[in-house]
């Protein structure tokens, strides 16, 4: 479970950072998930920041799950 949450955290953070980089520099055109979702038009930077924060939260949760002893 810890490795799955860690991977999900990594993907969310990478997608968020890719969205921020694309918004400010134009790189990663068509690479990120945010640019492909139509209803996020005009909210790309906000959605990218939410993905980064969500990725950090999932990463913190994976650390808590990994430290729990059953």
N, C-alpha and C. Protein backbone atom coordinates (compact mmCIF):
# COMPACT_ATOMS: atom_id res chain seq x y z
N UNK A 1 0.83 -1.19 0.00
CA UNK A 1 0.00 0.00 0.00
C UNK A 1 0.86 1.25 0.00
N UNK A 2 1.97 1.18 0.74
CA UNK A 2 2.87 2.33 0.84
C UNK A 2 3.46 2.67 -0.52
N UNK A 3 3.85 1.65 -1.28
CA UNK A 3 4.46 1.89 -2.60
C UNK A 3 3.43 2.42 -3.60
N UNK A 4 2.21 1.95 -3.51
CA UNK A 4 1.16 2.43 -4.42
C UNK A 4 0.87 3.90 -4.16
N UNK A 5 0.72 4.26 -2.88
CA UNK A 5 0.46 5.66 -2.55
C UNK A 5 1.66 6.54 -2.90
N UNK A 6 2.86 6.02 -2.75
CA UNK A 6 4.04 6.78 -3.14
C UNK A 6 4.08 7.03 -4.64
N UNK A 7 3.69 6.03 -5.42
CA UNK A 7 3.65 6.20 -6.87
C UNK A 7 2.57 7.20 -7.28
N UNK A 8 1.40 7.11 -6.67
CA UNK A 8 0.33 8.06 -6.96
C UNK A 8 0.76 9.47 -6.60
N UNK A 9 1.44 9.61 -5.48
CA UNK A 9 1.95 10.91 -5.06
C UNK A 9 2.94 11.46 -6.09
N UNK A 10 3.83 10.62 -6.56
CA UNK A 10 4.81 11.03 -7.56
C UNK A 10 4.14 11.49 -8.85
N UNK A 11 3.14 10.74 -9.31
CA UNK A 11 2.44 11.09 -10.55
C UNK A 11 1.71 12.42 -10.40
N UNK A 12 1.04 12.63 -9.25
CA UNK A 12 0.32 13.88 -9.02
C UNK A 12 1.27 15.07 -8.99
N UNK A 13 2.39 14.92 -8.32
CA UNK A 13 3.35 16.02 -8.23
C UNK A 13 3.95 16.32 -9.60
N UNK A 14 4.30 15.29 -10.35
CA UNK A 14 4.88 15.50 -11.68
C UNK A 14 3.88 16.17 -12.61
N UNK A 15 2.62 15.74 -12.57
CA UNK A 15 1.60 16.37 -13.41
C UNK A 15 1.38 17.83 -13.02
N UNK A 16 1.38 18.11 -11.72
CA UNK A 16 1.20 19.48 -11.27
C UNK A 16 2.35 20.38 -11.66
N UNK A 17 3.57 19.91 -11.45
CA UNK A 17 4.75 20.70 -11.82
C UNK A 17 4.80 20.87 -13.33
N UNK A 18 4.46 19.83 -14.08
CA UNK A 18 4.41 19.95 -15.54
C UNK A 18 3.39 20.98 -15.99
N UNK A 19 2.25 21.04 -15.31
CA UNK A 19 1.24 22.04 -15.65
C UNK A 19 1.70 23.45 -15.36
N UNK A 20 2.40 23.64 -14.24
CA UNK A 20 2.93 24.97 -13.90
C UNK A 20 4.00 25.39 -14.90
N UNK A 21 4.90 24.47 -15.23
CA UNK A 21 5.96 24.79 -16.20
C UNK A 21 5.35 25.11 -17.56
N UNK A 22 4.35 24.34 -17.97
CA UNK A 22 3.70 24.62 -19.26
C UNK A 22 3.01 25.98 -19.24
N UNK A 23 2.38 26.33 -18.15
CA UNK A 23 1.65 27.60 -18.07
C UNK A 23 2.60 28.78 -18.21
N UNK A 24 3.75 28.71 -17.55
CA UNK A 24 4.65 29.85 -17.55
C UNK A 24 5.65 29.86 -18.71
N UNK A 25 6.02 28.69 -19.23
CA UNK A 25 7.05 28.68 -20.27
C UNK A 25 6.57 28.12 -21.61
N UNK A 26 5.50 27.35 -21.62
CA UNK A 26 5.02 26.76 -22.87
C UNK A 26 5.64 25.41 -23.18
N UNK A 27 6.53 24.92 -22.33
CA UNK A 27 7.11 23.59 -22.54
C UNK A 27 6.09 22.53 -22.19
N UNK A 28 6.37 21.31 -22.51
CA UNK A 28 5.52 20.15 -22.25
C UNK A 28 4.14 20.31 -22.91
N UNK A 29 4.13 20.82 -24.12
CA UNK A 29 2.87 21.01 -24.82
C UNK A 29 2.23 19.66 -25.12
N UNK A 30 1.05 19.44 -24.59
CA UNK A 30 0.34 18.19 -24.80
C UNK A 30 0.83 17.04 -23.96
N UNK A 31 1.77 17.27 -23.07
CA UNK A 31 2.33 16.21 -22.25
C UNK A 31 1.51 15.99 -20.99
N UNK A 32 1.06 17.05 -20.39
CA UNK A 32 0.38 16.95 -19.11
C UNK A 32 -1.10 16.64 -19.24
N UNK A 33 -1.65 16.16 -18.16
CA UNK A 33 -3.06 15.82 -18.12
C UNK A 33 -3.94 17.06 -18.08
N UNK A 34 -3.48 18.12 -17.44
CA UNK A 34 -4.29 19.32 -17.26
C UNK A 34 -4.62 19.96 -18.60
N UNK A 35 -3.71 19.94 -19.54
CA UNK A 35 -3.94 20.57 -20.83
C UNK A 35 -4.94 19.80 -21.69
N UNK A 36 -5.18 18.55 -21.37
CA UNK A 36 -6.08 17.72 -22.16
C UNK A 36 -7.52 17.72 -21.65
N UNK A 37 -7.73 18.22 -20.44
CA UNK A 37 -9.07 18.22 -19.86
C UNK A 37 -9.75 19.53 -20.22
N UNK A 38 -10.87 19.45 -20.94
CA UNK A 38 -11.51 20.63 -21.49
C UNK A 38 -12.12 21.58 -20.48
N UNK A 39 -12.71 21.06 -19.42
CA UNK A 39 -13.40 21.94 -18.48
C UNK A 39 -12.45 22.72 -17.58
N UNK A 40 -11.15 22.48 -17.68
CA UNK A 40 -10.17 23.24 -16.91
C UNK A 40 -9.64 24.45 -17.66
N UNK A 41 -10.22 24.75 -18.83
CA UNK A 41 -9.79 25.91 -19.61
C UNK A 41 -9.91 27.18 -18.77
N UNK A 42 -8.82 27.88 -18.61
CA UNK A 42 -8.79 29.10 -17.82
C UNK A 42 -8.41 28.88 -16.37
N UNK A 43 -8.39 27.64 -15.93
CA UNK A 43 -8.05 27.31 -14.54
C UNK A 43 -6.83 26.39 -14.46
N UNK A 44 -5.99 26.43 -15.48
CA UNK A 44 -4.87 25.49 -15.54
C UNK A 44 -3.89 25.65 -14.39
N UNK A 45 -3.54 26.88 -14.06
CA UNK A 45 -2.55 27.09 -13.00
C UNK A 45 -3.11 26.69 -11.65
N UNK A 46 -4.39 26.97 -11.42
CA UNK A 46 -5.03 26.57 -10.17
C UNK A 46 -5.08 25.05 -10.06
N UNK A 47 -5.46 24.38 -11.12
CA UNK A 47 -5.54 22.92 -11.11
C UNK A 47 -4.16 22.30 -10.93
N UNK A 48 -3.13 22.89 -11.52
CA UNK A 48 -1.78 22.37 -11.36
C UNK A 48 -1.32 22.50 -9.91
N UNK A 49 -1.61 23.63 -9.30
CA UNK A 49 -1.24 23.82 -7.89
C UNK A 49 -2.00 22.85 -6.99
N UNK A 50 -3.27 22.59 -7.31
CA UNK A 50 -4.05 21.63 -6.53
C UNK A 50 -3.45 20.23 -6.67
N UNK A 51 -2.99 19.87 -7.85
CA UNK A 51 -2.36 18.56 -8.04
C UNK A 51 -1.08 18.42 -7.22
N UNK A 52 -0.28 19.49 -7.16
CA UNK A 52 0.95 19.44 -6.37
C UNK A 52 0.62 19.27 -4.89
N UNK A 53 -0.32 20.06 -4.40
CA UNK A 53 -0.71 19.98 -2.98
C UNK A 53 -1.31 18.61 -2.67
N UNK A 54 -2.14 18.10 -3.56
CA UNK A 54 -2.73 16.78 -3.36
C UNK A 54 -1.66 15.69 -3.38
N UNK A 55 -0.67 15.84 -4.24
CA UNK A 55 0.42 14.87 -4.28
C UNK A 55 1.24 14.87 -3.00
N UNK A 56 1.48 16.05 -2.45
CA UNK A 56 2.20 16.13 -1.17
C UNK A 56 1.37 15.51 -0.06
N UNK A 57 0.06 15.73 -0.07
CA UNK A 57 -0.81 15.15 0.95
C UNK A 57 -0.85 13.63 0.85
N UNK A 58 -0.92 13.11 -0.36
CA UNK A 58 -0.92 11.65 -0.53
C UNK A 58 0.43 11.08 -0.12
N UNK A 59 1.51 11.80 -0.39
CA UNK A 59 2.83 11.35 0.04
C UNK A 59 2.95 11.31 1.55
N UNK A 60 2.38 12.30 2.22
CA UNK A 60 2.39 12.29 3.68
C UNK A 60 1.54 11.15 4.22
N UNK A 61 0.42 10.89 3.56
CA UNK A 61 -0.43 9.77 3.98
C UNK A 61 0.29 8.44 3.77
N UNK A 62 1.06 8.31 2.71
CA UNK A 62 1.79 7.06 2.48
C UNK A 62 2.85 6.85 3.54
N UNK A 63 3.45 7.94 4.03
CA UNK A 63 4.41 7.79 5.12
C UNK A 63 3.72 7.32 6.40
N UNK A 64 2.52 7.83 6.66
CA UNK A 64 1.78 7.41 7.85
C UNK A 64 1.36 5.94 7.73
N UNK A 65 0.93 5.52 6.55
CA UNK A 65 0.53 4.13 6.36
C UNK A 65 1.74 3.23 6.51
N UNK A 66 2.89 3.66 6.03
CA UNK A 66 4.09 2.84 6.13
C UNK A 66 4.61 2.69 7.54
N UNK A 67 4.36 3.67 8.40
CA UNK A 67 4.85 3.61 9.77
C UNK A 67 3.91 2.88 10.71
N UNK A 68 2.70 2.61 10.28
CA UNK A 68 1.71 1.95 11.14
C UNK A 68 2.03 0.46 11.24
N UNK A 69 2.06 -0.04 12.45
CA UNK A 69 2.34 -1.46 12.66
C UNK A 69 1.05 -2.17 13.07
N UNK A 70 0.73 -3.24 12.37
CA UNK A 70 -0.49 -4.00 12.69
C UNK A 70 -0.14 -5.28 13.37
